[in-house]
Amino acid sequence: MNQSNETLWSSLFALAFGVCVLGFLVMIDRQEWFHIRPVSGTAVAMAEAAKAE
């Protein structure tokens, strides 16, 4: 029972590590996904007005 429990935990750890590495690689490749964007038309207009000054 103890050996199978350790195998399960090590497999879960390896899976979590792989998902984290994949997420990191996606983040450094797709930085434009994480830019803050205005969500409404009013916010877009206010952002453009602030740039115009």
C-alpha atoms as a PDB file:
ATOM      1  CA  MET A   1       0.000   0.000   0.000  1.00  0.00           C
ATOM      2  CA  ASN A   2       2.796   2.434   0.843  1.00  0.00           C
ATOM      3  CA  GLN A   3       4.650   1.848  -2.428  1.00  0.00           C
ATOM      4  CA  SER A   4       1.542   2.474  -4.549  1.00  0.00           C
ATOM      5  CA  ASN A   5       0.780   5.614  -2.537  1.00  0.00           C
ATOM      6  CA  GLU A   6       4.290   6.961  -3.195  1.00  0.00           C
ATOM      7  CA  THR A   7       3.950   6.123  -6.888  1.00  0.00           C
ATOM      8  CA  LEU A   8       0.652   7.999  -7.062  1.00  0.00           C
ATOM      9  CA  TRP A   9       2.104  11.096  -5.388  1.00  0.00           C
ATOM     10  CA  SER A  10       5.193  11.103  -7.580  1.00  0.00           C
ATOM     11  CA  SER A  11       3.054  10.775 -10.713  1.00  0.00           C
ATOM     12  CA  LEU A  12       0.815  13.635  -9.596  1.00  0.00           C
ATOM     13  CA  PHE A  13       3.855  15.763  -8.808  1.00  0.00           C
ATOM     14  CA  ALA A  14       5.365  15.072 -12.235  1.00  0.00           C
ATOM     15  CA  LEU A  15       2.056  15.929 -13.918  1.00  0.00           C
ATOM     16  CA  ALA A  16       1.713  19.185 -11.951  1.00  0.00           C
ATOM     17  CA  PHE A  17       5.307  20.115 -12.725  1.00  0.00           C
ATOM     18  CA  GLY A  18       4.758  19.482 -16.436  1.00  0.00           C
ATOM     19  CA  VAL A  19       1.593  21.596 -16.469  1.00  0.00           C
ATOM     20  CA  CYS A  20       3.426  24.433 -14.692  1.00  0.00           C
ATOM     21  CA  VAL A  21       6.315  24.312 -17.173  1.00  0.00           C
ATOM     22  CA  LEU A  22       3.867  24.318 -20.084  1.00  0.00           C
ATOM     23  CA  GLY A  23       2.015  27.279 -18.582  1.00  0.00           C
ATOM     24  CA  PHE A  24       5.280  29.162 -18.115  1.00  0.00           C
ATOM     25  CA  LEU A  25       6.345  28.551 -21.700  1.00  0.00           C
ATOM     26  CA  VAL A  26       2.973  29.735 -22.992  1.00  0.00           C
ATOM     27  CA  MET A  27       3.207  32.864 -20.812  1.00  0.00           C
ATOM     28  CA  ILE A  28       6.626  33.877 -22.101  1.00  0.00           C
ATOM     29  CA  ASP A  29       5.601  33.210 -25.700  1.00  0.00           C
ATOM     30  CA  ARG A  30       2.185  34.946 -25.592  1.00  0.00           C
ATOM     31  CA  GLN A  31       2.807  38.058 -23.500  1.00  0.00           C
ATOM     32  CA  GLU A  32       0.153  40.011 -25.407  1.00  0.00           C
ATOM     33  CA  TRP A  33      -2.521  37.815 -23.770  1.00  0.00           C
ATOM     34  CA  PHE A  34      -1.774  39.423 -20.419  1.00  0.00           C
ATOM     35  CA  HIS A  35      -2.035  43.118 -21.319  1.00  0.00           C
ATOM     36  CA  ILE A  36      -4.803  45.028 -19.585  1.00  0.00           C
ATOM     37  CA  ARG A  37      -7.464  46.085 -22.071  1.00  0.00           C
ATOM     38  CA  PRO A  38     -10.525  48.289 -21.652  1.00  0.00           C
ATOM     39  CA  VAL A  39     -13.711  46.224 -21.401  1.00  0.00           C
ATOM     40  CA  SER A  40     -16.360  48.706 -22.494  1.00  0.00           C
ATOM     41  CA  GLY A  41     -16.812  51.341 -25.163  1.00  0.00           C
ATOM     42  CA  THR A  42     -16.753  54.067 -22.540  1.00  0.00           C
ATOM     43  CA  ALA A  43     -13.444  52.820 -21.173  1.00  0.00           C
ATOM     44  CA  VAL A  44     -11.980  52.732 -24.684  1.00  0.00           C
ATOM     45  CA  ALA A  45     -13.102  56.325 -25.307  1.00  0.00           C
ATOM     46  CA  MET A  46     -11.613  57.475 -22.002  1.00  0.00           C
ATOM     47  CA  ALA A  47      -8.328  55.707 -22.754  1.00  0.00           C
ATOM     48  CA  GLU A  48      -8.130  57.322 -26.201  1.00  0.00           C
ATOM     49  CA  ALA A  49      -8.944  60.735 -24.733  1.00  0.00           C
ATOM     50  CA  ALA A  50      -6.154  60.334 -22.185  1.00  0.00           C
ATOM     51  CA  LYS A  51      -3.669  59.503 -24.969  1.00  0.00           C
ATOM     52  CA  ALA A  52      -4.695  62.556 -27.016  1.00  0.00           C
ATOM     53  CA  GLU A  53      -3.557  65.041 -24.353  1.00  0.00           C
END
